N, C-alpha and C. Protein backbone atom coordinates (compact mmCIF):
# COMPACT_ATOMS: atom_id res chain seq x y z
N MET A 1 80.14 8.08 50.85
CA MET A 1 80.40 6.61 51.56
C MET A 1 79.36 5.70 51.00
N SER A 2 79.67 4.51 50.74
CA SER A 2 78.86 3.56 50.25
C SER A 2 77.85 3.01 51.22
N ASP A 3 76.40 2.79 50.89
CA ASP A 3 75.55 2.46 51.84
C ASP A 3 75.84 1.07 52.37
N HIS A 4 76.52 0.22 51.77
CA HIS A 4 76.73 -1.15 52.51
C HIS A 4 77.90 -1.19 53.41
N ILE A 5 78.79 -0.36 53.45
CA ILE A 5 79.82 -0.16 54.27
C ILE A 5 79.63 0.59 55.65
N PRO A 6 79.54 -0.08 56.73
CA PRO A 6 79.20 0.66 57.89
C PRO A 6 80.33 1.87 58.42
N ASP A 7 80.04 2.75 58.98
CA ASP A 7 80.76 3.73 59.47
C ASP A 7 81.48 3.23 60.81
N VAL A 8 82.67 2.87 60.64
CA VAL A 8 83.59 2.30 61.75
C VAL A 8 83.57 3.05 63.05
N THR A 9 83.51 4.37 62.92
CA THR A 9 83.60 5.19 64.10
C THR A 9 82.34 5.15 64.93
N LYS A 10 81.29 4.69 64.35
CA LYS A 10 80.05 4.59 65.00
C LYS A 10 79.83 3.22 65.74
N MET A 11 80.67 2.25 65.28
CA MET A 11 80.60 0.92 65.75
C MET A 11 81.41 0.84 66.99
N ILE A 12 82.49 1.76 67.36
CA ILE A 12 83.35 1.67 68.48
C ILE A 12 82.58 2.33 69.73
N SER A 13 82.59 1.62 70.78
CA SER A 13 81.93 2.22 72.14
C SER A 13 82.81 1.91 73.21
N ASP A 14 82.83 2.54 74.23
CA ASP A 14 83.56 2.32 75.42
C ASP A 14 82.73 1.45 76.44
N THR A 15 81.41 1.43 76.34
CA THR A 15 80.70 0.41 77.00
C THR A 15 79.71 -0.35 76.08
N PRO A 16 80.31 -1.29 75.32
CA PRO A 16 79.55 -2.08 74.61
C PRO A 16 78.74 -2.99 75.32
N ARG A 17 79.00 -3.44 76.53
CA ARG A 17 78.19 -4.41 77.18
C ARG A 17 76.87 -3.86 77.65
N THR A 18 77.10 -2.50 78.17
CA THR A 18 76.13 -1.71 78.86
C THR A 18 74.93 -1.48 77.65
N GLU A 19 75.56 -1.00 76.60
CA GLU A 19 74.77 -0.68 75.38
C GLU A 19 73.88 -1.94 74.88
N SER A 20 74.47 -3.11 74.99
CA SER A 20 73.86 -4.28 74.33
C SER A 20 73.05 -5.01 75.37
N PHE A 21 72.97 -4.52 76.54
CA PHE A 21 72.12 -5.07 77.68
C PHE A 21 70.68 -4.75 77.44
N LYS A 22 69.80 -5.79 77.44
CA LYS A 22 68.39 -5.76 77.22
C LYS A 22 67.74 -6.33 78.49
N CYS A 23 67.02 -5.54 79.14
CA CYS A 23 66.26 -5.95 80.29
C CYS A 23 65.45 -7.19 80.00
N TYR A 24 64.74 -7.16 78.89
CA TYR A 24 63.93 -8.26 78.71
C TYR A 24 64.48 -9.59 78.28
N ASP A 25 65.77 -9.59 78.02
CA ASP A 25 66.50 -10.71 77.75
C ASP A 25 67.13 -11.34 79.21
N SER A 26 67.03 -10.61 80.29
CA SER A 26 67.50 -11.25 81.53
C SER A 26 66.77 -12.03 82.16
N GLY A 27 65.46 -12.39 81.64
CA GLY A 27 64.56 -13.30 82.25
C GLY A 27 63.94 -12.73 83.56
N CYS A 28 63.96 -11.57 83.73
CA CYS A 28 63.38 -10.96 84.89
C CYS A 28 62.22 -9.96 84.43
N ASP A 29 61.19 -10.02 85.35
CA ASP A 29 59.95 -9.19 84.91
C ASP A 29 60.22 -7.75 85.36
N ASP A 30 61.17 -7.38 86.36
CA ASP A 30 61.17 -5.97 86.75
C ASP A 30 62.57 -5.47 86.12
N PRO A 31 62.45 -4.48 85.25
CA PRO A 31 63.63 -3.88 84.58
C PRO A 31 64.60 -3.17 85.64
N LEU A 32 64.01 -2.57 86.62
CA LEU A 32 64.86 -1.99 87.56
C LEU A 32 65.80 -2.96 88.30
N TYR A 33 65.19 -4.21 88.73
CA TYR A 33 66.04 -5.29 89.18
C TYR A 33 67.02 -5.77 88.34
N ALA A 34 66.70 -5.93 87.01
CA ALA A 34 67.53 -6.34 86.04
C ALA A 34 68.79 -5.57 85.75
N TRP A 35 68.47 -4.22 85.77
CA TRP A 35 69.61 -3.31 85.67
C TRP A 35 70.55 -3.34 86.93
N GLY A 36 69.94 -3.40 88.17
CA GLY A 36 70.63 -3.53 89.28
C GLY A 36 71.42 -4.87 89.29
N ALA A 37 71.02 -5.86 88.96
CA ALA A 37 71.84 -7.15 88.83
C ALA A 37 72.86 -7.01 87.84
N PHE A 38 72.68 -6.38 86.75
CA PHE A 38 73.73 -6.21 85.71
C PHE A 38 74.81 -5.19 86.29
N ALA A 39 74.41 -4.24 87.04
CA ALA A 39 75.34 -3.35 87.55
C ALA A 39 76.23 -4.18 88.65
N ALA A 40 75.49 -4.94 89.40
CA ALA A 40 76.19 -5.75 90.35
C ALA A 40 77.28 -6.72 89.72
N GLU A 41 76.90 -7.19 88.74
CA GLU A 41 77.85 -8.11 87.85
C GLU A 41 78.98 -7.35 87.44
N LEU A 42 78.76 -6.21 86.80
CA LEU A 42 79.96 -5.35 86.37
C LEU A 42 80.76 -4.91 87.56
N GLU A 43 80.22 -4.53 88.68
CA GLU A 43 80.95 -4.13 89.99
C GLU A 43 82.00 -5.28 90.21
N CYS A 44 81.23 -6.58 90.32
CA CYS A 44 82.05 -7.66 90.69
C CYS A 44 83.33 -7.83 89.97
N GLU A 45 83.09 -7.70 88.49
CA GLU A 45 84.21 -7.88 87.50
C GLU A 45 85.23 -6.70 87.76
N LEU A 46 84.67 -5.63 87.94
CA LEU A 46 85.63 -4.42 88.29
C LEU A 46 86.60 -4.73 89.61
N ASN A 47 85.85 -5.18 90.58
CA ASN A 47 86.71 -5.49 91.90
C ASN A 47 87.75 -6.66 91.57
N ALA A 48 87.34 -7.61 90.77
CA ALA A 48 88.30 -8.71 90.49
C ALA A 48 89.37 -8.25 89.57
N ALA A 49 89.18 -7.33 88.69
CA ALA A 49 90.08 -6.86 87.85
C ALA A 49 91.03 -5.86 88.63
N ASN A 50 90.56 -5.05 89.59
CA ASN A 50 91.36 -4.20 90.41
C ASN A 50 92.17 -5.02 91.37
N GLU A 51 91.74 -6.26 91.85
CA GLU A 51 92.53 -7.05 92.63
C GLU A 51 93.73 -7.55 92.02
N ARG A 52 93.51 -7.96 90.72
CA ARG A 52 94.45 -8.53 89.74
C ARG A 52 95.53 -7.42 89.39
N ILE A 53 95.13 -6.40 89.11
CA ILE A 53 95.98 -5.11 88.96
C ILE A 53 96.93 -5.06 90.23
N LYS A 54 96.33 -5.02 91.38
CA LYS A 54 97.04 -4.85 92.62
C LYS A 54 98.16 -5.94 92.68
N ARG A 55 97.77 -7.11 92.41
CA ARG A 55 98.74 -8.25 92.50
C ARG A 55 99.93 -8.10 91.41
N LEU A 56 99.48 -7.67 90.31
CA LEU A 56 100.56 -7.45 89.30
C LEU A 56 101.39 -6.32 89.47
N GLU A 57 100.77 -5.34 90.12
CA GLU A 57 101.73 -4.11 90.55
C GLU A 57 102.77 -4.47 91.69
N GLU A 58 102.33 -5.39 92.50
CA GLU A 58 103.16 -5.92 93.69
C GLU A 58 104.26 -6.78 93.13
N ALA A 59 103.79 -7.66 92.23
CA ALA A 59 104.75 -8.49 91.53
C ALA A 59 105.90 -7.75 90.67
N GLY A 60 105.36 -6.69 89.93
CA GLY A 60 106.35 -5.80 89.37
C GLY A 60 107.31 -5.11 90.23
N ASP A 61 106.74 -4.50 91.41
CA ASP A 61 107.54 -3.96 92.27
C ASP A 61 108.69 -4.77 92.78
N LYS A 62 108.41 -6.00 93.09
CA LYS A 62 109.34 -7.08 93.55
C LYS A 62 110.42 -7.20 92.54
N MET A 63 110.03 -7.40 91.22
CA MET A 63 110.91 -7.51 90.14
C MET A 63 111.76 -6.37 89.87
N ALA A 64 111.09 -5.13 90.08
CA ALA A 64 111.88 -3.87 89.88
C ALA A 64 113.01 -3.75 90.88
N ASP A 65 112.61 -4.20 92.23
CA ASP A 65 113.59 -4.11 93.15
C ASP A 65 114.70 -5.15 93.06
N LEU A 66 114.46 -6.31 92.48
CA LEU A 66 115.46 -7.31 92.14
C LEU A 66 116.24 -6.71 91.09
N LEU A 67 115.80 -6.04 90.08
CA LEU A 67 116.54 -5.50 88.98
C LEU A 67 117.49 -4.34 89.59
N ARG A 68 116.95 -3.51 90.40
CA ARG A 68 117.75 -2.62 91.07
C ARG A 68 118.86 -3.13 91.87
N TRP A 69 118.68 -4.07 92.61
CA TRP A 69 119.69 -4.72 93.43
C TRP A 69 120.75 -5.30 92.49
N GLN A 70 120.37 -6.17 91.48
CA GLN A 70 121.34 -6.77 90.42
C GLN A 70 122.05 -5.71 89.93
N SER A 71 121.53 -4.57 89.41
CA SER A 71 122.30 -3.36 88.73
C SER A 71 123.23 -2.87 89.82
N ARG A 72 122.97 -2.71 90.96
CA ARG A 72 123.94 -2.30 91.78
C ARG A 72 125.21 -3.20 91.91
N MET A 73 124.76 -4.42 92.01
CA MET A 73 125.90 -5.50 92.08
C MET A 73 126.72 -5.49 90.83
N ASP A 74 126.10 -5.21 89.60
CA ASP A 74 126.88 -5.21 88.46
C ASP A 74 127.34 -3.72 88.16
N ARG A 75 127.15 -2.76 88.98
CA ARG A 75 127.58 -1.30 88.97
C ARG A 75 127.13 -0.75 87.53
N LYS A 76 125.78 -0.98 87.10
CA LYS A 76 125.21 -0.41 85.96
C LYS A 76 123.75 -0.05 86.39
N THR A 77 123.27 0.76 85.54
CA THR A 77 121.85 1.24 85.78
C THR A 77 120.84 0.32 84.83
N SER A 78 119.74 0.14 85.72
CA SER A 78 118.71 -0.67 85.26
C SER A 78 117.55 0.06 84.50
N PRO A 79 117.60 0.06 83.27
CA PRO A 79 116.54 0.78 82.55
C PRO A 79 115.17 0.16 82.65
N SER A 80 115.26 -1.08 82.83
CA SER A 80 113.92 -2.04 83.13
C SER A 80 113.13 -1.65 84.21
N ALA A 81 113.92 -1.31 85.47
CA ALA A 81 113.36 -0.99 86.59
C ALA A 81 112.67 0.51 86.48
N SER A 82 113.54 1.32 85.89
CA SER A 82 112.94 2.82 85.62
C SER A 82 111.92 2.81 84.85
N ALA A 83 111.83 1.87 83.60
CA ALA A 83 110.59 1.73 82.91
C ALA A 83 109.42 1.19 83.51
N TRP A 84 109.55 0.23 84.44
CA TRP A 84 108.52 -0.26 85.22
C TRP A 84 107.89 0.88 86.04
N ARG A 85 108.60 1.59 86.65
CA ARG A 85 108.07 2.68 87.63
C ARG A 85 107.37 3.66 86.80
N LYS A 86 107.97 3.99 85.57
CA LYS A 86 107.14 4.95 84.78
C LYS A 86 105.86 4.51 84.30
N ALA A 87 105.80 3.10 83.85
CA ALA A 87 104.69 2.53 83.32
C ALA A 87 103.59 2.28 84.56
N LYS A 88 104.00 2.15 85.58
CA LYS A 88 103.06 2.03 86.72
C LYS A 88 102.38 3.33 87.19
N GLU A 89 103.15 4.41 87.14
CA GLU A 89 102.64 5.72 87.49
C GLU A 89 101.86 6.39 86.45
N ASP A 90 102.05 5.92 85.16
CA ASP A 90 101.05 6.46 84.09
C ASP A 90 99.71 5.82 84.20
N LYS A 91 98.80 6.63 84.36
CA LYS A 91 97.36 6.21 84.44
C LYS A 91 96.58 6.85 83.34
N PRO A 92 95.85 5.97 82.81
CA PRO A 92 95.10 6.39 81.59
C PRO A 92 94.00 7.50 81.93
């Protein structure tokens, strides 16, 4: 492999923000406090993301219910409602 082409597999990370966090860039003299503040920031973002996921799941459930109701009226099956339920149950 050429020296000027980076190895792409080494550039991919599951935690890029954590790996790039530098205590001394935080403007705080205490590294332990800086890491704690960073962890609190990440936790707030996680909580906000989980709330958004919850709202999206509730909206998806309502849409799936509507699709099931409409499919009963049309006497057809609704593949979209089934696809929603499967997608919602599949967890990474």
